[in-house]
Protein backbone atom coordinates (compact mmCIF):
# COMPACT_ATOMS: atom_id res chain seq x y z
CA MET A 1 -53.32 -14.28 120.27
CA LYS A 2 -51.13 -16.83 120.26
CA PRO A 3 -48.64 -15.95 117.90
CA ILE A 4 -49.23 -18.78 114.12
CA VAL A 5 -45.69 -21.00 113.16
CA ALA A 6 -44.80 -23.37 111.39
CA ARG A 7 -44.90 -26.95 112.47
CA GLN A 8 -43.38 -28.72 109.79
CA LYS A 9 -39.37 -28.34 108.44
CA HIS A 10 -40.16 -26.23 104.83
CA VAL A 11 -40.81 -28.44 102.15
CA THR A 12 -38.61 -27.56 99.36
CA VAL A 13 -34.82 -26.64 100.13
CA LEU A 14 -33.83 -23.20 98.52
CA PRO A 15 -30.29 -23.67 96.91
CA THR A 16 -28.05 -20.81 98.63
CA ASP A 17 -27.54 -19.05 95.12
CA LEU A 18 -30.13 -17.20 93.55
CA GLU A 19 -28.96 -15.32 90.57
CA PRO A 20 -30.17 -16.61 87.12
CA SER A 21 -27.87 -18.15 85.26
CA ASP A 22 -26.00 -17.72 82.08
CA ALA A 23 -28.75 -19.39 80.07
CA GLU A 24 -31.26 -16.77 81.54
CA LEU A 25 -29.74 -13.64 81.41
CA ASP A 26 -28.55 -14.47 77.50
CA ALA A 27 -32.05 -14.92 76.76
CA ILE A 28 -33.83 -12.20 78.82
CA GLU A 29 -30.57 -9.63 76.89
CA TRP A 30 -32.42 -11.74 73.75
CA GLU A 31 -35.79 -10.58 74.54
CA MET A 32 -34.90 -7.17 75.65
CA PRO A 33 -36.54 -5.06 72.60
CA LEU A 34 -39.45 -6.44 72.83
CA ILE A 35 -39.70 -6.30 76.70
CA LEU A 36 -38.89 -2.59 76.52
CA ALA A 37 -42.03 -2.05 72.90
CA ASP A 38 -44.00 -3.84 75.64
CA VAL A 39 -43.57 -1.59 79.39
CA ASP A 40 -43.86 1.53 76.16
CA LEU A 41 -47.21 -0.35 75.81
CA LEU A 42 -48.13 -0.36 78.91
CA ASP A 43 -47.29 3.51 79.64
CA ALA A 44 -49.26 4.28 77.14
CA GLU A 45 -52.77 1.97 78.50
CA ILE A 46 -52.15 3.07 81.86
CA ALA A 47 -51.83 6.74 81.27
CA VAL A 48 -55.16 7.06 79.92
CA LEU A 49 -57.11 4.44 82.49
CA ASP A 50 -58.50 7.74 84.85
CA ARG A 51 -59.66 9.40 81.14
CA THR A 52 -60.88 9.40 77.87
CA PRO A 53 -58.48 9.10 75.85
CA SER A 54 -58.05 12.27 73.38
CA GLU A 55 -55.91 11.64 69.78
CA LEU A 56 -53.20 12.35 70.92
CA ASP A 57 -53.48 9.93 73.67
CA ALA A 58 -54.72 7.03 70.89
CA GLN A 59 -51.82 7.96 68.65
CA ARG A 60 -49.23 7.14 71.33
CA ILE A 61 -51.09 3.94 71.38
CA ARG A 62 -51.22 3.23 68.11
CA ARG A 63 -47.50 3.70 68.16
CA ALA A 64 -46.52 2.21 70.92
CA ARG A 65 -48.83 -1.50 69.89
CA ARG A 66 -47.23 -0.97 65.98
CA ARG A 67 -42.96 -0.91 68.07
CA MET A 68 -44.31 -4.43 69.98
CA LEU A 69 -45.75 -6.26 67.32
CA THR A 70 -42.72 -4.90 64.89
CA ALA A 71 -40.48 -6.26 67.92
CA ARG A 72 -41.96 -9.58 68.29
CA ARG A 73 -41.94 -10.46 64.42
CA ASP A 74 -38.85 -9.13 64.91
CA LEU A 75 -37.44 -11.77 67.95
CA ILE A 76 -39.68 -14.60 65.79
CA ASN A 77 -37.97 -13.86 62.68
CA GLN A 78 -34.61 -14.13 64.22
CA ALA A 79 -36.07 -17.54 66.75
CA ILE A 80 -37.08 -19.23 62.56
CA ALA A 81 -33.94 -18.25 61.18
CA SER A 82 -31.73 -20.20 63.65
CA MET A 83 -33.76 -23.35 63.78
CA PRO A 84 -31.56 -26.33 61.88
CA ALA A 85 -32.07 -26.82 58.41
CA GLY A 86 -35.79 -28.47 57.78
CA ALA A 87 -37.30 -28.32 61.16
CA ALA A 88 -39.63 -25.46 60.24
């Protein structure tokens, strides 16, 4: 059996510093409430994948969906409020 190897050099050279920039970290921190709300909703939905959801499960999913929608609304409102006048 022959090993499979590339005959050409890599086309794209990766940068040596793969850390996120300060702006990217700020954006992640700004979106963190929405990210956490999305994770809670996914956890609630994953919990009922292999069974019929009970009333308590359905309530947990509804609550998580409301938290996610609230976090999304708050981020959108913050983004609109931070826009320069006349841009909206």
